Amino acid sequence: MAYHKVQDILELVESFHKQMRQALDRVSQEADSDSVEWLSQQLRQHELHWQAALSGYEKRVAEGVLDTWLQYFPDEEVRRQIDSIVIKREMTLDDLTDLNIRFRQALIDLYETLSQASSAPRVHELFQQLQEYEQAVVAQQSQKQQDSELVESRTHKRA
């Protein structure tokens, strides 16, 4: 079984974020869709927050967190989940939100696995924090989707 540095894992996760954003950007340019543009903007904001969560980079380097080696890294499983996410130009906002939640859930699963697999307390804490952040994003998006559906159903009842 291959070993991976925490820093390498985080760089791979960053590439997953970039891959998702680039797919949204391509579709956004082709479709000129407000829904795709909105989700692309949301993803950019969450990428900035994700990077902010790692803003203690120097601190983590000093603590040795980024240089910690982990034996178990389910990258094939995560890649399969992320590769199964296909963004198409005719997707509705709900479709795109569902895809984004699937993307986030793949990251949550990854962080949970890595958090549980790490015996180093600071590494465990890092992946726990990233997992909690992604869970908060999913909860927020799910709430926005429910609010949107509620407004839509009330609008249709009045019509």
N, C-alpha and C. Protein backbone atom coordinates (compact mmCIF):
# COMPACT_ATOMS: atom_id res chain seq x y z
N MET A 1 0.85 -1.18 0.00
CA MET A 1 0.00 0.00 0.00
C MET A 1 0.90 1.24 0.00
N ALA A 2 0.58 2.20 -0.83
CA ALA A 2 1.39 3.41 -0.97
C ALA A 2 1.14 4.37 0.18
N TYR A 3 2.17 5.09 0.52
CA TYR A 3 2.07 6.14 1.54
C TYR A 3 1.97 7.48 0.83
N HIS A 4 1.27 8.42 1.45
CA HIS A 4 1.12 9.76 0.89
C HIS A 4 1.33 10.79 1.98
N LYS A 5 1.96 11.90 1.62
CA LYS A 5 2.09 13.02 2.55
C LYS A 5 0.77 13.76 2.60
N VAL A 6 0.46 14.35 3.74
CA VAL A 6 -0.75 15.15 3.90
C VAL A 6 -0.75 16.28 2.87
N GLN A 7 0.40 16.90 2.65
CA GLN A 7 0.50 17.98 1.67
C GLN A 7 0.10 17.49 0.28
N ASP A 8 0.53 16.30 -0.11
CA ASP A 8 0.18 15.75 -1.43
C ASP A 8 -1.33 15.49 -1.53
N ILE A 9 -1.91 15.03 -0.44
CA ILE A 9 -3.35 14.76 -0.43
C ILE A 9 -4.12 16.07 -0.60
N LEU A 10 -3.69 17.11 0.10
CA LEU A 10 -4.36 18.40 0.00
C LEU A 10 -4.19 19.00 -1.40
N GLU A 11 -3.05 18.79 -2.01
CA GLU A 11 -2.84 19.26 -3.39
C GLU A 11 -3.77 18.53 -4.35
N LEU A 12 -4.00 17.25 -4.11
CA LEU A 12 -4.91 16.49 -4.95
C LEU A 12 -6.34 17.00 -4.77
N VAL A 13 -6.73 17.25 -3.53
CA VAL A 13 -8.07 17.79 -3.26
C VAL A 13 -8.23 19.15 -3.95
N GLU A 14 -7.18 19.95 -3.90
CA GLU A 14 -7.21 21.25 -4.58
C GLU A 14 -7.41 21.05 -6.08
N SER A 15 -6.79 20.02 -6.64
CA SER A 15 -6.97 19.75 -8.07
C SER A 15 -8.41 19.30 -8.36
N PHE A 16 -9.06 18.59 -7.42
CA PHE A 16 -10.46 18.21 -7.59
C PHE A 16 -11.34 19.46 -7.64
N HIS A 17 -11.06 20.41 -6.73
CA HIS A 17 -11.80 21.68 -6.73
C HIS A 17 -11.61 22.39 -8.07
N LYS A 18 -10.38 22.45 -8.53
CA LYS A 18 -10.06 23.14 -9.79
C LYS A 18 -10.76 22.45 -10.96
N GLN A 19 -10.75 21.13 -10.97
CA GLN A 19 -11.39 20.35 -12.03
C GLN A 19 -12.89 20.65 -12.08
N MET A 20 -13.53 20.70 -10.92
CA MET A 20 -14.97 21.00 -10.85
C MET A 20 -15.24 22.42 -11.34
N ARG A 21 -14.44 23.36 -10.89
CA ARG A 21 -14.63 24.76 -11.30
C ARG A 21 -14.41 24.93 -12.80
N GLN A 22 -13.40 24.27 -13.35
CA GLN A 22 -13.14 24.38 -14.79
C GLN A 22 -14.29 23.79 -15.60
N ALA A 23 -14.85 22.68 -15.14
CA ALA A 23 -16.00 22.09 -15.83
C ALA A 23 -17.18 23.05 -15.81
N LEU A 24 -17.42 23.67 -14.67
CA LEU A 24 -18.50 24.66 -14.57
C LEU A 24 -18.22 25.87 -15.45
N ASP A 25 -16.97 26.31 -15.48
CA ASP A 25 -16.62 27.47 -16.31
C ASP A 25 -16.85 27.17 -17.79
N ARG A 26 -16.46 25.96 -18.24
CA ARG A 26 -16.67 25.58 -19.65
C ARG A 26 -18.15 25.59 -20.00
N VAL A 27 -18.94 24.96 -19.15
CA VAL A 27 -20.38 24.89 -19.40
C VAL A 27 -20.99 26.29 -19.33
N SER A 28 -20.52 27.09 -18.40
CA SER A 28 -21.02 28.46 -18.24
C SER A 28 -20.78 29.26 -19.51
N GLN A 29 -19.62 29.12 -20.12
CA GLN A 29 -19.30 29.84 -21.35
C GLN A 29 -20.17 29.36 -22.51
N GLU A 30 -20.42 28.05 -22.56
CA GLU A 30 -21.22 27.49 -23.64
C GLU A 30 -22.70 27.77 -23.47
N ALA A 31 -23.18 27.71 -22.24
CA ALA A 31 -24.62 27.76 -22.01
C ALA A 31 -25.14 29.16 -21.71
N ASP A 32 -24.28 30.04 -21.25
CA ASP A 32 -24.70 31.36 -20.82
C ASP A 32 -25.89 31.25 -19.86
N SER A 33 -25.74 30.35 -18.91
CA SER A 33 -26.81 30.04 -17.96
C SER A 33 -26.55 30.72 -16.63
N ASP A 34 -27.56 31.41 -16.11
CA ASP A 34 -27.44 32.03 -14.80
C ASP A 34 -27.23 30.98 -13.71
N SER A 35 -27.87 29.81 -13.87
CA SER A 35 -27.74 28.74 -12.88
C SER A 35 -26.31 28.24 -12.80
N VAL A 36 -25.71 28.01 -13.97
CA VAL A 36 -24.33 27.51 -13.99
C VAL A 36 -23.40 28.58 -13.45
N GLU A 37 -23.63 29.82 -13.84
CA GLU A 37 -22.79 30.92 -13.37
C GLU A 37 -22.89 31.06 -11.85
N TRP A 38 -24.11 30.94 -11.32
CA TRP A 38 -24.31 31.03 -9.88
C TRP A 38 -23.53 29.94 -9.15
N LEU A 39 -23.66 28.68 -9.64
CA LEU A 39 -22.97 27.58 -8.98
C LEU A 39 -21.46 27.73 -9.12
N SER A 40 -21.01 28.19 -10.27
CA SER A 40 -19.59 28.41 -10.47
C SER A 40 -19.07 29.45 -9.48
N GLN A 41 -19.83 30.50 -9.27
CA GLN A 41 -19.47 31.54 -8.30
C GLN A 41 -19.45 30.96 -6.88
N GLN A 42 -20.45 30.14 -6.56
CA GLN A 42 -20.49 29.51 -5.24
C GLN A 42 -19.25 28.65 -5.03
N LEU A 43 -18.89 27.88 -6.06
CA LEU A 43 -17.72 27.02 -5.95
C LEU A 43 -16.45 27.83 -5.76
N ARG A 44 -16.33 28.95 -6.47
CA ARG A 44 -15.16 29.81 -6.28
C ARG A 44 -15.09 30.32 -4.84
N GLN A 45 -16.24 30.74 -4.30
CA GLN A 45 -16.27 31.21 -2.91
C GLN A 45 -15.85 30.11 -1.95
N HIS A 46 -16.35 28.90 -2.17
CA HIS A 46 -16.01 27.80 -1.28
C HIS A 46 -14.55 27.40 -1.42
N GLU A 47 -13.99 27.55 -2.63
CA GLU A 47 -12.57 27.28 -2.81
C GLU A 47 -11.75 28.27 -1.97
N LEU A 48 -12.16 29.54 -1.98
CA LEU A 48 -11.45 30.54 -1.18
C LEU A 48 -11.54 30.21 0.30
N HIS A 49 -12.71 29.78 0.75
CA HIS A 49 -12.88 29.39 2.15
C HIS A 49 -12.03 28.15 2.48
N TRP A 50 -11.98 27.22 1.54
CA TRP A 50 -11.19 26.01 1.74
C TRP A 50 -9.72 26.39 1.90
N GLN A 51 -9.26 27.29 1.04
CA GLN A 51 -7.88 27.73 1.15
C GLN A 51 -7.65 28.50 2.44
N ALA A 52 -8.66 29.25 2.87
CA ALA A 52 -8.54 29.97 4.14
C ALA A 52 -8.44 28.99 5.31
N ALA A 53 -9.14 27.87 5.18
CA ALA A 53 -9.07 26.84 6.24
C ALA A 53 -7.64 26.31 6.36
N LEU A 54 -6.90 26.40 5.28
CA LEU A 54 -5.51 25.95 5.29
C LEU A 54 -4.55 27.13 5.43
N SER A 55 -5.10 28.30 5.76
CA SER A 55 -4.27 29.50 5.81
C SER A 55 -3.16 29.41 6.84
N GLY A 56 -3.34 28.55 7.80
CA GLY A 56 -2.29 28.35 8.79
C GLY A 56 -1.21 27.46 8.22
N TYR A 57 -0.99 27.57 6.92
CA TYR A 57 -0.03 26.72 6.21
C TYR A 57 1.33 26.71 6.91
N GLU A 58 1.86 27.91 7.19
CA GLU A 58 3.18 27.98 7.83
C GLU A 58 3.14 27.31 9.21
N LYS A 59 2.02 27.54 9.91
CA LYS A 59 1.87 26.93 11.24
C LYS A 59 1.84 25.41 11.11
N ARG A 60 1.10 24.93 10.13
CA ARG A 60 0.99 23.49 9.95
C ARG A 60 2.33 22.88 9.51
N VAL A 61 3.08 23.65 8.70
CA VAL A 61 4.42 23.19 8.32
C VAL A 61 5.29 23.09 9.58
N ALA A 62 5.20 24.14 10.41
CA ALA A 62 5.99 24.15 11.64
C ALA A 62 5.59 22.98 12.55
N GLU A 63 4.30 22.65 12.55
CA GLU A 63 3.83 21.55 13.38
C GLU A 63 4.16 20.19 12.75
N GLY A 64 4.60 20.21 11.50
CA GLY A 64 4.92 18.97 10.81
C GLY A 64 3.71 18.26 10.23
N VAL A 65 2.55 18.91 10.23
CA VAL A 65 1.32 18.27 9.75
C VAL A 65 1.40 17.93 8.27
N LEU A 66 1.85 18.90 7.46
CA LEU A 66 1.86 18.69 6.01
C LEU A 66 2.88 17.63 5.59
N ASP A 67 3.89 17.43 6.40
CA ASP A 67 4.91 16.43 6.07
C ASP A 67 4.62 15.05 6.66
N THR A 68 3.48 14.92 7.32
CA THR A 68 3.10 13.63 7.91
C THR A 68 2.71 12.66 6.80
N TRP A 69 3.17 11.44 6.93
CA TRP A 69 2.85 10.40 5.95
C TRP A 69 1.65 9.60 6.43
N LEU A 70 0.74 9.32 5.51
CA LEU A 70 -0.42 8.47 5.80
C LEU A 70 -0.36 7.26 4.90
N GLN A 71 -0.70 6.12 5.49
CA GLN A 71 -0.64 4.89 4.71
C GLN A 71 -1.89 4.71 3.86
N TYR A 72 -3.04 4.97 4.43
CA TYR A 72 -4.29 4.70 3.72
C TYR A 72 -4.85 5.97 3.11
N PHE A 73 -4.99 5.97 1.80
CA PHE A 73 -5.58 7.09 1.09
C PHE A 73 -6.46 6.53 -0.03
N PRO A 74 -7.78 6.60 0.13
CA PRO A 74 -8.70 5.98 -0.84
C PRO A 74 -8.87 6.84 -2.10
N ASP A 75 -7.75 7.18 -2.76
CA ASP A 75 -7.83 8.10 -3.89
C ASP A 75 -8.60 7.53 -5.08
N GLU A 76 -8.50 6.22 -5.33
CA GLU A 76 -9.23 5.65 -6.47
C GLU A 76 -10.74 5.76 -6.27
N GLU A 77 -11.20 5.49 -5.07
CA GLU A 77 -12.62 5.60 -4.76
C GLU A 77 -13.11 7.04 -4.93
N VAL A 78 -12.33 7.98 -4.41
CA VAL A 78 -12.70 9.39 -4.51
C VAL A 78 -12.67 9.84 -5.96
N ARG A 79 -11.64 9.45 -6.68
CA ARG A 79 -11.56 9.80 -8.11
C ARG A 79 -12.77 9.26 -8.87
N ARG A 80 -13.17 8.05 -8.56
CA ARG A 80 -14.33 7.45 -9.23
C ARG A 80 -15.59 8.27 -8.94
N GLN A 81 -15.77 8.67 -7.69
CA GLN A 81 -16.94 9.48 -7.32
C GLN A 81 -16.91 10.82 -8.05
N ILE A 82 -15.77 11.45 -8.06
CA ILE A 82 -15.66 12.78 -8.68
C ILE A 82 -15.76 12.67 -10.20
N ASP A 83 -15.15 11.64 -10.78
CA ASP A 83 -15.23 11.46 -12.23
C ASP A 83 -16.65 11.15 -12.71
N SER A 84 -17.49 10.63 -11.80
CA SER A 84 -18.88 10.32 -12.18
C SER A 84 -19.75 11.57 -12.26
N ILE A 85 -19.20 12.68 -11.84
CA ILE A 85 -19.94 13.95 -11.87
C ILE A 85 -19.71 14.60 -13.23
N VAL A 86 -20.76 14.64 -14.02
CA VAL A 86 -20.69 15.20 -15.36
C VAL A 86 -21.63 16.40 -15.43
N ILE A 87 -21.07 17.53 -15.80
CA ILE A 87 -21.85 18.75 -15.88
C ILE A 87 -22.21 19.00 -17.35
N LYS A 88 -23.50 19.20 -17.58
CA LYS A 88 -23.99 19.43 -18.94
C LYS A 88 -24.64 20.79 -19.03
N ARG A 89 -24.64 21.34 -20.21
CA ARG A 89 -25.13 22.72 -20.39
C ARG A 89 -26.62 22.87 -20.14
N GLU A 90 -27.42 21.84 -20.32
CA GLU A 90 -28.87 21.96 -20.14
C GLU A 90 -29.34 21.68 -18.71
N MET A 91 -28.40 21.54 -17.78
CA MET A 91 -28.78 21.23 -16.40
C MET A 91 -29.46 22.42 -15.73
N THR A 92 -30.42 22.09 -14.89
CA THR A 92 -31.10 23.11 -14.10
C THR A 92 -30.26 23.44 -12.87
N LEU A 93 -30.65 24.47 -12.17
CA LEU A 93 -29.95 24.83 -10.94
C LEU A 93 -30.04 23.70 -9.92
N ASP A 94 -31.20 23.05 -9.84
CA ASP A 94 -31.35 21.91 -8.92
C ASP A 94 -30.39 20.78 -9.29
N ASP A 95 -30.27 20.48 -10.59
CA ASP A 95 -29.34 19.44 -11.05
C ASP A 95 -27.91 19.79 -10.64
N LEU A 96 -27.54 21.04 -10.87
CA LEU A 96 -26.18 21.48 -10.56
C LEU A 96 -25.93 21.47 -9.05
N THR A 97 -26.93 21.86 -8.30
CA THR A 97 -26.79 21.84 -6.84
C THR A 97 -26.62 20.41 -6.35
N ASP A 98 -27.40 19.49 -6.92
CA ASP A 98 -27.26 18.08 -6.56
C ASP A 98 -25.86 17.56 -6.88
N LEU A 99 -25.34 17.94 -8.05
CA LEU A 99 -23.98 17.52 -8.42
C LEU A 99 -22.95 18.10 -7.46
N ASN A 100 -23.13 19.36 -7.10
CA ASN A 100 -22.19 19.98 -6.17
C ASN A 100 -22.25 19.30 -4.81
N ILE A 101 -23.43 18.91 -4.38
CA ILE A 101 -23.56 18.20 -3.10
C ILE A 101 -22.87 16.83 -3.20
N ARG A 102 -23.02 16.15 -4.34
CA ARG A 102 -22.30 14.87 -4.53
C ARG A 102 -20.79 15.07 -4.47
N PHE A 103 -20.32 16.15 -5.09
CA PHE A 103 -18.89 16.49 -5.06
C PHE A 103 -18.45 16.70 -3.61
N ARG A 104 -19.22 17.49 -2.89
CA ARG A 104 -18.90 17.77 -1.49
C ARG A 104 -18.94 16.50 -0.64
N GLN A 105 -19.91 15.63 -0.92
CA GLN A 105 -20.04 14.39 -0.15
C GLN A 105 -18.83 13.48 -0.37
N ALA A 106 -18.30 13.47 -1.59
CA ALA A 106 -17.08 12.70 -1.86
C ALA A 106 -15.93 13.22 -1.01
N LEU A 107 -15.84 14.54 -0.88
CA LEU A 107 -14.78 15.13 -0.05
C LEU A 107 -15.01 14.83 1.43
N ILE A 108 -16.27 14.89 1.85
CA ILE A 108 -16.60 14.58 3.26
C ILE A 108 -16.17 13.15 3.58
N ASP A 109 -16.50 12.22 2.69
CA ASP A 109 -16.12 10.82 2.89
C ASP A 109 -14.60 10.67 2.97
N LEU A 110 -13.90 11.38 2.08
CA LEU A 110 -12.44 11.32 2.08
C LEU A 110 -11.88 11.85 3.39
N TYR A 111 -12.33 13.03 3.80
CA TYR A 111 -11.81 13.64 5.04
C TYR A 111 -12.13 12.77 6.25
N GLU A 112 -13.32 12.18 6.26
CA GLU A 112 -13.68 11.32 7.39
C GLU A 112 -12.76 10.11 7.46
N THR A 113 -12.51 9.49 6.31
CA THR A 113 -11.63 8.33 6.26
C THR A 113 -10.22 8.69 6.71
N LEU A 114 -9.72 9.82 6.21
CA LEU A 114 -8.37 10.24 6.56
C LEU A 114 -8.26 10.64 8.03
N SER A 115 -9.30 11.28 8.53
CA SER A 115 -9.32 11.66 9.94
C SER A 115 -9.27 10.43 10.83
N GLN A 116 -10.06 9.43 10.48
CA GLN A 116 -10.10 8.20 11.28
C GLN A 116 -8.81 7.38 11.15
N ALA A 117 -8.18 7.47 9.98
CA ALA A 117 -6.98 6.67 9.72
C ALA A 117 -5.72 7.27 10.33
N SER A 118 -5.79 8.53 10.73
CA SER A 118 -4.60 9.19 11.25
C SER A 118 -4.46 9.02 12.75
N SER A 119 -3.26 8.64 13.15
CA SER A 119 -2.99 8.52 14.58
C SER A 119 -2.37 9.81 15.13
N ALA A 120 -1.93 10.69 14.22
CA ALA A 120 -1.35 11.97 14.65
C ALA A 120 -2.47 12.95 14.97
N PRO A 121 -2.55 13.44 16.20
CA PRO A 121 -3.66 14.31 16.61
C PRO A 121 -3.85 15.54 15.73
N ARG A 122 -2.77 16.20 15.32
CA ARG A 122 -2.91 17.41 14.51
C ARG A 122 -3.41 17.10 13.11
N VAL A 123 -3.01 15.98 12.57
CA VAL A 123 -3.50 15.56 11.24
C VAL A 123 -4.97 15.20 11.35
N HIS A 124 -5.30 14.45 12.40
CA HIS A 124 -6.70 14.09 12.65
C HIS A 124 -7.55 15.37 12.73
N GLU A 125 -7.06 16.35 13.48
CA GLU A 125 -7.79 17.62 13.66
C GLU A 125 -7.96 18.36 12.33
N LEU A 126 -6.92 18.39 11.50
CA LEU A 126 -7.00 19.07 10.20
C LEU A 126 -8.11 18.46 9.33
N PHE A 127 -8.10 17.14 9.20
CA PHE A 127 -9.11 16.49 8.35
C PHE A 127 -10.50 16.58 8.97
N GLN A 128 -10.57 16.59 10.29
CA GLN A 128 -11.85 16.77 10.97
C GLN A 128 -12.42 18.16 10.66
N GLN A 129 -11.57 19.18 10.71
CA GLN A 129 -12.01 20.54 10.41
C GLN A 129 -12.47 20.66 8.96
N LEU A 130 -11.73 20.08 8.04
CA LEU A 130 -12.11 20.13 6.63
C LEU A 130 -13.43 19.39 6.41
N GLN A 131 -13.61 18.27 7.08
CA GLN A 131 -14.86 17.51 6.98
C GLN A 131 -16.03 18.36 7.50
N GLU A 132 -15.85 18.98 8.65
CA GLU A 132 -16.92 19.80 9.23
C GLU A 132 -17.26 20.98 8.33
N TYR A 133 -16.26 21.56 7.70
CA TYR A 133 -16.51 22.67 6.79
C TYR A 133 -17.36 22.20 5.60
N GLU A 134 -16.97 21.09 5.00
CA GLU A 134 -17.73 20.58 3.85
C GLU A 134 -19.16 20.22 4.26
N GLN A 135 -19.33 19.65 5.45
CA GLN A 135 -20.68 19.32 5.93
C GLN A 135 -21.51 20.59 6.10
N ALA A 136 -20.88 21.66 6.57
CA ALA A 136 -21.60 22.93 6.72
C ALA A 136 -22.01 23.48 5.36
N VAL A 137 -21.14 23.34 4.36
CA VAL A 137 -21.47 23.80 3.00
C VAL A 137 -22.66 23.02 2.45
N VAL A 138 -22.63 21.71 2.62
CA VAL A 138 -23.74 20.86 2.14
C VAL A 138 -25.03 21.23 2.84
N ALA A 139 -24.97 21.42 4.15
CA ALA A 139 -26.17 21.79 4.91
C ALA A 139 -26.71 23.13 4.43
N GLN A 140 -25.82 24.08 4.21
CA GLN A 140 -26.23 25.40 3.74
C GLN A 140 -26.87 25.31 2.35
N GLN A 141 -26.27 24.55 1.45
CA GLN A 141 -26.82 24.43 0.10
C GLN A 141 -28.14 23.67 0.12
N SER A 142 -28.25 22.66 0.96
CA SER A 142 -29.50 21.92 1.07
C SER A 142 -30.61 22.83 1.59
N GLN A 143 -30.28 23.68 2.55
CA GLN A 143 -31.26 24.61 3.10
C GLN A 143 -31.70 25.61 2.03
N LYS A 144 -30.74 26.13 1.27
CA LYS A 144 -31.07 27.08 0.20
C LYS A 144 -31.97 26.41 -0.84
N GLN A 145 -31.68 25.15 -1.15
CA GLN A 145 -32.49 24.41 -2.13
C GLN A 145 -33.90 24.21 -1.59
N GLN A 146 -34.02 23.87 -0.31
CA GLN A 146 -35.35 23.69 0.29
C GLN A 146 -36.11 25.01 0.33
N ASP A 147 -35.44 26.09 0.67
CA ASP A 147 -36.08 27.40 0.68
C ASP A 147 -36.55 27.78 -0.72
N SER A 148 -35.73 27.50 -1.71
CA SER A 148 -36.08 27.80 -3.09
C SER A 148 -37.31 27.00 -3.52
N GLU A 149 -37.36 25.72 -3.15
CA GLU A 149 -38.50 24.88 -3.49
C GLU A 149 -39.76 25.35 -2.78
N LEU A 150 -39.61 25.82 -1.54
CA LEU A 150 -40.75 26.32 -0.79
C LEU A 150 -41.32 27.59 -1.44
N VAL A 151 -40.44 28.50 -1.81
CA VAL A 151 -40.87 29.73 -2.48
C VAL A 151 -41.56 29.38 -3.80
N GLU A 152 -40.94 28.46 -4.54
CA GLU A 152 -41.51 28.06 -5.83
C GLU A 152 -42.89 27.43 -5.66
N SER A 153 -43.07 26.58 -4.66
CA SER A 153 -44.37 25.93 -4.47
C SER A 153 -45.42 26.95 -4.03
N ARG A 154 -45.04 27.93 -3.23
CA ARG A 154 -45.99 28.98 -2.81
C ARG A 154 -46.37 29.85 -4.00
N THR A 155 -45.42 30.12 -4.89
CA THR A 155 -45.68 30.92 -6.07
C THR A 155 -46.68 30.20 -6.98
N HIS A 156 -46.50 28.89 -7.14
CA HIS A 156 -47.40 28.11 -8.01
C HIS A 156 -48.80 28.02 -7.42
N LYS A 157 -48.92 28.00 -6.08
CA LYS A 157 -50.25 27.91 -5.44
C LYS A 157 -51.03 29.20 -5.66
N ARG A 158 -50.33 30.33 -5.70
CA ARG A 158 -50.99 31.62 -5.89
C ARG A 158 -51.44 31.82 -7.34
N ALA A 159 -50.76 31.19 -8.25
CA ALA A 159 -51.03 31.40 -9.68
C ALA A 159 -52.30 30.75 -10.15
